[in-house]
Amino acid sequence: MIDAEIRKILSETRVVAVVGYSANPDRPSHYVAAFLKSRGLRVIPVNPGLAGQTQLGERVYGALSEIPP
């Protein structure tokens, strides 16, 4: 994949899933999710231990396969 392709994907992406999301703000996965959300992306947290909760304004899913299309 060349830089132009990567740049195009990143500029067009509006929804991301953060697998291994942590509700602990000291964890990198929480920081990354919050940062992406602050940049206007919709962030879907994925963590089986937090499934069903609401974090960062979104429902937490237990697995990628549980996220509706």
PDB file of N, CA and C in Angstrom:
ATOM      1  N   MET A   1       0.861  -1.175   0.000  1.00  0.00           N
ATOM      2  CA  MET A   1       0.000   0.000   0.000  1.00  0.00           C
ATOM      3  C   MET A   1       0.908   1.240   0.000  1.00  0.00           C
ATOM      4  N   ILE A   2       0.583   2.174  -0.847  1.00  0.00           N
ATOM      5  CA  ILE A   2       1.402   3.382  -0.929  1.00  0.00           C
ATOM      6  C   ILE A   2       0.804   4.483  -0.056  1.00  0.00           C
ATOM      7  N   ASP A   3       1.593   5.499   0.221  1.00  0.00           N
ATOM      8  CA  ASP A   3       1.169   6.586   1.102  1.00  0.00           C
ATOM      9  C   ASP A   3      -0.146   7.234   0.656  1.00  0.00           C
ATOM     10  N   ALA A   4      -0.314   7.412  -0.623  1.00  0.00           N
ATOM     11  CA  ALA A   4      -1.532   8.055  -1.135  1.00  0.00           C
ATOM     12  C   ALA A   4      -2.767   7.219  -0.798  1.00  0.00           C
ATOM     13  N   GLU A   5      -2.648   5.904  -0.895  1.00  0.00           N
ATOM     14  CA  GLU A   5      -3.775   5.026  -0.556  1.00  0.00           C
ATOM     15  C   GLU A   5      -4.104   5.104   0.929  1.00  0.00           C
ATOM     16  N   ILE A   6      -3.086   5.094   1.757  1.00  0.00           N
ATOM     17  CA  ILE A   6      -3.284   5.194   3.209  1.00  0.00           C
ATOM     18  C   ILE A   6      -3.919   6.534   3.558  1.00  0.00           C
ATOM     19  N   ARG A   7      -3.420   7.601   2.973  1.00  0.00           N
ATOM     20  CA  ARG A   7      -3.965   8.940   3.218  1.00  0.00           C
ATOM     21  C   ARG A   7      -5.438   9.001   2.823  1.00  0.00           C
ATOM     22  N   LYS A   8      -5.787   8.403   1.681  1.00  0.00           N
ATOM     23  CA  LYS A   8      -7.175   8.392   1.205  1.00  0.00           C
ATOM     24  C   LYS A   8      -8.074   7.634   2.187  1.00  0.00           C
ATOM     25  N   ILE A   9      -7.648   6.486   2.640  1.00  0.00           N
ATOM     26  CA  ILE A   9      -8.432   5.697   3.600  1.00  0.00           C
ATOM     27  C   ILE A   9      -8.649   6.486   4.876  1.00  0.00           C
ATOM     28  N   LEU A  10      -7.593   7.068   5.400  1.00  0.00           N
ATOM     29  CA  LEU A  10      -7.705   7.812   6.653  1.00  0.00           C
ATOM     30  C   LEU A  10      -8.557   9.068   6.514  1.00  0.00           C
ATOM     31  N   SER A  11      -8.524   9.694   5.354  1.00  0.00           N
ATOM     32  CA  SER A  11      -9.317  10.914   5.173  1.00  0.00           C
ATOM     33  C   SER A  11     -10.800  10.608   4.956  1.00  0.00           C
ATOM     34  N   GLU A  12     -11.118   9.413   4.492  1.00  0.00           N
ATOM     35  CA  GLU A  12     -12.506   9.045   4.220  1.00  0.00           C
ATOM     36  C   GLU A  12     -13.170   8.281   5.369  1.00  0.00           C
ATOM     37  N   THR A  13     -12.394   7.781   6.294  1.00  0.00           N
ATOM     38  CA  THR A  13     -12.939   6.983   7.394  1.00  0.00           C
ATOM     39  C   THR A  13     -13.601   7.882   8.415  1.00  0.00           C
ATOM     40  N   ARG A  14     -14.823   7.549   8.795  1.00  0.00           N
ATOM     41  CA  ARG A  14     -15.564   8.345   9.776  1.00  0.00           C
ATOM     42  C   ARG A  14     -15.935   7.528  11.005  1.00  0.00           C
ATOM     43  N   VAL A  15     -15.817   6.194  10.934  1.00  0.00           N
ATOM     44  CA  VAL A  15     -16.165   5.319  12.053  1.00  0.00           C
ATOM     45  C   VAL A  15     -15.014   4.344  12.271  1.00  0.00           C
ATOM     46  N   VAL A  16     -14.585   4.222  13.536  1.00  0.00           N
ATOM     47  CA  VAL A  16     -13.538   3.260  13.879  1.00  0.00           C
ATOM     48  C   VAL A  16     -13.963   2.483  15.115  1.00  0.00           C
ATOM     49  N   ALA A  17     -13.520   1.246  15.202  1.00  0.00           N
ATOM     50  CA  ALA A  17     -13.724   0.436  16.397  1.00  0.00           C
ATOM     51  C   ALA A  17     -12.386   0.363  17.127  1.00  0.00           C
ATOM     52  N   VAL A  18     -12.424   0.580  18.430  1.00  0.00           N
ATOM     53  CA  VAL A  18     -11.212   0.456  19.240  1.00  0.00           C
ATOM     54  C   VAL A  18     -11.329  -0.851  20.013  1.00  0.00           C
ATOM     55  N   VAL A  19     -10.629  -1.875  19.525  1.00  0.00           N
ATOM     56  CA  VAL A  19     -10.659  -3.198  20.146  1.00  0.00           C
ATOM     57  C   VAL A  19      -9.724  -3.185  21.349  1.00  0.00           C
ATOM     58  N   GLY A  20     -10.245  -3.633  22.488  1.00  0.00           N
ATOM     59  CA  GLY A  20      -9.464  -3.606  23.721  1.00  0.00           C
ATOM     60  C   GLY A  20      -9.623  -2.291  24.459  1.00  0.00           C
ATOM     61  N   TYR A  21     -10.680  -1.564  24.126  1.00  0.00           N
ATOM     62  CA  TYR A  21     -10.950  -0.287  24.786  1.00  0.00           C
ATOM     63  C   TYR A  21     -10.979  -0.462  26.300  1.00  0.00           C
ATOM     64  N   SER A  22     -10.424   0.509  27.016  1.00  0.00           N
ATOM     65  CA  SER A  22     -10.448   0.518  28.477  1.00  0.00           C
ATOM     66  C   SER A  22     -11.172   1.764  28.962  1.00  0.00           C
ATOM     67  N   ALA A  23     -11.992   1.592  30.000  1.00  0.00           N
ATOM     68  CA  ALA A  23     -12.689   2.725  30.604  1.00  0.00           C
ATOM     69  C   ALA A  23     -11.745   3.551  31.474  1.00  0.00           C
ATOM     70  N   ASN A  24     -10.564   3.024  31.752  1.00  0.00           N
ATOM     71  CA  ASN A  24      -9.564   3.701  32.572  1.00  0.00           C
ATOM     72  C   ASN A  24      -8.848   4.759  31.727  1.00  0.00           C
ATOM     73  N   PRO A  25      -9.009   6.044  32.063  1.00  0.00           N
ATOM     74  CA  PRO A  25      -8.393   7.101  31.243  1.00  0.00           C
ATOM     75  C   PRO A  25      -6.862   7.082  31.239  1.00  0.00           C
ATOM     76  N   ASP A  26      -6.250   6.302  32.115  1.00  0.00           N
ATOM     77  CA  ASP A  26      -4.786   6.191  32.116  1.00  0.00           C
ATOM     78  C   ASP A  26      -4.278   5.183  31.082  1.00  0.00           C
ATOM     79  N   ARG A  27      -5.173   4.402  30.507  1.00  0.00           N
ATOM     80  CA  ARG A  27      -4.778   3.382  29.530  1.00  0.00           C
ATOM     81  C   ARG A  27      -4.690   3.968  28.127  1.00  0.00           C
ATOM     82  N   PRO A  28      -3.720   3.518  27.348  1.00  0.00           N
ATOM     83  CA  PRO A  28      -3.563   4.034  25.986  1.00  0.00           C
ATOM     84  C   PRO A  28      -4.810   3.862  25.114  1.00  0.00           C
ATOM     85  N   SER A  29      -5.516   2.742  25.254  1.00  0.00           N
ATOM     86  CA  SER A  29      -6.692   2.523  24.403  1.00  0.00           C
ATOM     87  C   SER A  29      -7.786   3.552  24.681  1.00  0.00           C
ATOM     88  N   HIS A  30      -7.915   3.985  25.916  1.00  0.00           N
ATOM     89  CA  HIS A  30      -8.892   5.023  26.260  1.00  0.00           C
ATOM     90  C   HIS A  30      -8.456   6.359  25.652  1.00  0.00           C
ATOM     91  N   TYR A  31      -7.181   6.673  25.805  1.00  0.00           N
ATOM     92  CA  TYR A  31      -6.653   7.927  25.266  1.00  0.00           C
ATOM     93  C   TYR A  31      -6.834   7.990  23.748  1.00  0.00           C
ATOM     94  N   VAL A  32      -6.500   6.904  23.060  1.00  0.00           N
ATOM     95  CA  VAL A  32      -6.625   6.867  21.600  1.00  0.00           C
ATOM     96  C   VAL A  32      -8.079   7.062  21.189  1.00  0.00           C
ATOM     97  N   ALA A  33      -8.988   6.351  21.854  1.00  0.00           N
ATOM     98  CA  ALA A  33     -10.413   6.468  21.529  1.00  0.00           C
ATOM     99  C   ALA A  33     -10.907   7.896  21.754  1.00  0.00           C
ATOM    100  N   ALA A  34     -10.547   8.482  22.876  1.00  0.00           N
ATOM    101  CA  ALA A  34     -10.982   9.848  23.177  1.00  0.00           C
ATOM    102  C   ALA A  34     -10.387  10.845  22.177  1.00  0.00           C
ATOM    103  N   PHE A  35      -9.132  10.634  21.793  1.00  0.00           N
ATOM    104  CA  PHE A  35      -8.489  11.509  20.813  1.00  0.00           C
ATOM    105  C   PHE A  35      -9.209  11.437  19.465  1.00  0.00           C
ATOM    106  N   LEU A  36      -9.473  10.220  18.992  1.00  0.00           N
ATOM    107  CA  LEU A  36     -10.156  10.063  17.713  1.00  0.00           C
ATOM    108  C   LEU A  36     -11.547  10.690  17.752  1.00  0.00           C
ATOM    109  N   LYS A  37     -12.250  10.519  18.866  1.00  0.00           N
ATOM    110  CA  LYS A  37     -13.573  11.122  19.013  1.00  0.00           C
ATOM    111  C   LYS A  37     -13.471  12.649  18.977  1.00  0.00           C
ATOM    112  N   SER A  38     -12.444  13.198  19.619  1.00  0.00           N
ATOM    113  CA  SER A  38     -12.267  14.652  19.619  1.00  0.00           C
ATOM    114  C   SER A  38     -11.967  15.189  18.225  1.00  0.00           C
ATOM    115  N   ARG A  39     -11.508  14.321  17.333  1.00  0.00           N
ATOM    116  CA  ARG A  39     -11.211  14.702  15.952  1.00  0.00           C
ATOM    117  C   ARG A  39     -12.405  14.487  15.031  1.00  0.00           C
ATOM    118  N   GLY A  40     -13.558  14.135  15.611  1.00  0.00           N
ATOM    119  CA  GLY A  40     -14.777  14.026  14.827  1.00  0.00           C
ATOM    120  C   GLY A  40     -15.136  12.643  14.335  1.00  0.00           C
ATOM    121  N   LEU A  41     -14.365  11.634  14.696  1.00  0.00           N
ATOM    122  CA  LEU A  41     -14.702  10.288  14.273  1.00  0.00           C
ATOM    123  C   LEU A  41     -15.691   9.661  15.245  1.00  0.00           C
ATOM    124  N   ARG A  42     -16.519   8.769  14.753  1.00  0.00           N
ATOM    125  CA  ARG A  42     -17.372   7.975  15.622  1.00  0.00           C
ATOM    126  C   ARG A  42     -16.528   6.795  16.079  1.00  0.00           C
ATOM    127  N   VAL A  43     -16.409   6.631  17.396  1.00  0.00           N
ATOM    128  CA  VAL A  43     -15.580   5.583  17.976  1.00  0.00           C
ATOM    129  C   VAL A  43     -16.488   4.549  18.631  1.00  0.00           C
ATOM    130  N   ILE A  44     -16.363   3.294  18.209  1.00  0.00           N
ATOM    131  CA  ILE A  44     -17.130   2.207  18.794  1.00  0.00           C
ATOM    132  C   ILE A  44     -16.183   1.390  19.662  1.00  0.00           C
ATOM    133  N   PRO A  45     -16.372   1.440  21.000  1.00  0.00           N
ATOM    134  CA  PRO A  45     -15.504   0.676  21.889  1.00  0.00           C
ATOM    135  C   PRO A  45     -15.839  -0.816  21.852  1.00  0.00           C
ATOM    136  N   VAL A  46     -14.813  -1.657  21.872  1.00  0.00           N
ATOM    137  CA  VAL A  46     -14.995  -3.107  21.885  1.00  0.00           C
ATOM    138  C   VAL A  46     -14.188  -3.681  23.049  1.00  0.00           C
ATOM    139  N   ASN A  47     -14.918  -4.302  23.986  1.00  0.00           N
ATOM    140  CA  ASN A  47     -14.286  -4.931  25.141  1.00  0.00           C
ATOM    141  C   ASN A  47     -15.323  -5.857  25.783  1.00  0.00           C
ATOM    142  N   PRO A  48     -15.071  -7.176  25.809  1.00  0.00           N
ATOM    143  CA  PRO A  48     -16.066  -8.099  26.352  1.00  0.00           C
ATOM    144  C   PRO A  48     -16.398  -7.846  27.821  1.00  0.00           C
ATOM    145  N   GLY A  49     -15.471  -7.332  28.586  1.00  0.00           N
ATOM    146  CA  GLY A  49     -15.712  -7.059  29.998  1.00  0.00           C
ATOM    147  C   GLY A  49     -16.593  -5.845  30.248  1.00  0.00           C
ATOM    148  N   LEU A  50     -16.717  -4.985  29.257  1.00  0.00           N
ATOM    149  CA  LEU A  50     -17.524  -3.766  29.385  1.00  0.00           C
ATOM    150  C   LEU A  50     -18.760  -3.795  28.491  1.00  0.00           C
ATOM    151  N   ALA A  51     -18.993  -4.912  27.800  1.00  0.00           N
ATOM    152  CA  ALA A  51     -20.090  -5.018  26.837  1.00  0.00           C
ATOM    153  C   ALA A  51     -21.413  -4.601  27.464  1.00  0.00           C
ATOM    154  N   GLY A  52     -22.168  -3.806  26.710  1.00  0.00           N
ATOM    155  CA  GLY A  52     -23.471  -3.335  27.160  1.00  0.00           C
ATOM    156  C   GLY A  52     -23.426  -1.985  27.852  1.00  0.00           C
ATOM    157  N   GLN A  53     -22.271  -1.574  28.313  1.00  0.00           N
ATOM    158  CA  GLN A  53     -22.134  -0.264  28.952  1.00  0.00           C
ATOM    159  C   GLN A  53     -22.077   0.818  27.876  1.00  0.00           C
ATOM    160  N   THR A  54     -22.185   2.056  28.326  1.00  0.00           N
ATOM    161  CA  THR A  54     -21.991   3.199  27.432  1.00  0.00           C
ATOM    162  C   THR A  54     -20.702   3.894  27.827  1.00  0.00           C
ATOM    163  N   GLN A  55     -19.818   4.068  26.872  1.00  0.00           N
ATOM    164  CA  GLN A  55     -18.545   4.751  27.074  1.00  0.00           C
ATOM    165  C   GLN A  55     -18.350   5.719  25.913  1.00  0.00           C
ATOM    166  N   LEU A  56     -17.904   6.908  26.212  1.00  0.00           N
ATOM    167  CA  LEU A  56     -17.673   7.934  25.184  1.00  0.00           C
ATOM    168  C   LEU A  56     -18.915   8.158  24.329  1.00  0.00           C
ATOM    169  N   GLY A  57     -20.093   7.969  24.939  1.00  0.00           N
ATOM    170  CA  GLY A  57     -21.342   8.200  24.233  1.00  0.00           C
ATOM    171  C   GLY A  57     -21.772   7.077  23.305  1.00  0.00           C
ATOM    172  N   GLU A  58     -21.072   5.956  23.332  1.00  0.00           N
ATOM    173  CA  GLU A  58     -21.379   4.822  22.459  1.00  0.00           C
ATOM    174  C   GLU A  58     -21.542   3.551  23.277  1.00  0.00           C
ATOM    175  N   ARG A  59     -22.350   2.632  22.770  1.00  0.00           N
ATOM    176  CA  ARG A  59     -22.490   1.327  23.403  1.00  0.00           C
ATOM    177  C   ARG A  59     -21.192   0.548  23.205  1.00  0.00           C
ATOM    178  N   VAL A  60     -20.769  -0.153  24.245  1.00  0.00           N
ATOM    179  CA  VAL A  60     -19.582  -1.000  24.149  1.00  0.00           C
ATOM    180  C   VAL A  60     -20.024  -2.384  23.693  1.00  0.00           C
ATOM    181  N   TYR A  61     -19.319  -2.924  22.715  1.00  0.00           N
ATOM    182  CA  TYR A  61     -19.611  -4.266  22.202  1.00  0.00           C
ATOM    183  C   TYR A  61     -18.546  -5.242  22.693  1.00  0.00           C
ATOM    184  N   GLY A  62     -18.957  -6.502  22.820  1.00  0.00           N
ATOM    185  CA  GLY A  62     -18.046  -7.528  23.298  1.00  0.00           C
ATOM    186  C   GLY A  62     -17.124  -8.072  22.243  1.00  0.00           C
ATOM    187  N   ALA A  63     -17.496  -7.902  20.967  1.00  0.00           N
ATOM    188  CA  ALA A  63     -16.696  -8.408  19.861  1.00  0.00           C
ATOM    189  C   ALA A  63     -17.033  -7.608  18.606  1.00  0.00           C
ATOM    190  N   LEU A  64     -16.115  -7.579  17.679  1.00  0.00           N
ATOM    191  CA  LEU A  64     -16.362  -6.874  16.407  1.00  0.00           C
ATOM    192  C   LEU A  64     -17.585  -7.435  15.707  1.00  0.00           C
ATOM    193  N   SER A  65     -17.781  -8.745  15.796  1.00  0.00           N
ATOM    194  CA  SER A  65     -18.895  -9.388  15.110  1.00  0.00           C
ATOM    195  C   SER A  65     -20.255  -8.966  15.666  1.00  0.00           C
ATOM    196  N   GLU A  66     -20.296  -8.358  16.836  1.00  0.00           N
ATOM    197  CA  GLU A  66     -21.549  -7.905  17.447  1.00  0.00           C
ATOM    198  C   GLU A  66     -21.976  -6.511  16.987  1.00  0.00           C
ATOM    199  N   ILE A  67     -21.084  -5.783  16.359  1.00  0.00           N
ATOM    200  CA  ILE A  67     -21.402  -4.422  15.917  1.00  0.00           C
ATOM    201  C   ILE A  67     -22.322  -4.500  14.714  1.00  0.00           C
ATOM    202  N   PRO A  68     -23.501  -3.842  14.809  1.00  0.00           N
ATOM    203  CA  PRO A  68     -24.411  -3.886  13.655  1.00  0.00           C
ATOM    204  C   PRO A  68     -23.836  -3.131  12.463  1.00  0.00           C
ATOM    205  N   PRO A  69     -24.223  -3.556  11.249  1.00  0.00           N
ATOM    206  CA  PRO A  69     -23.701  -2.896  10.036  1.00  0.00           C
ATOM    207  C   PRO A  69     -24.154  -1.440   9.929  1.00  0.00           C
TER     208      PRO A  69
END
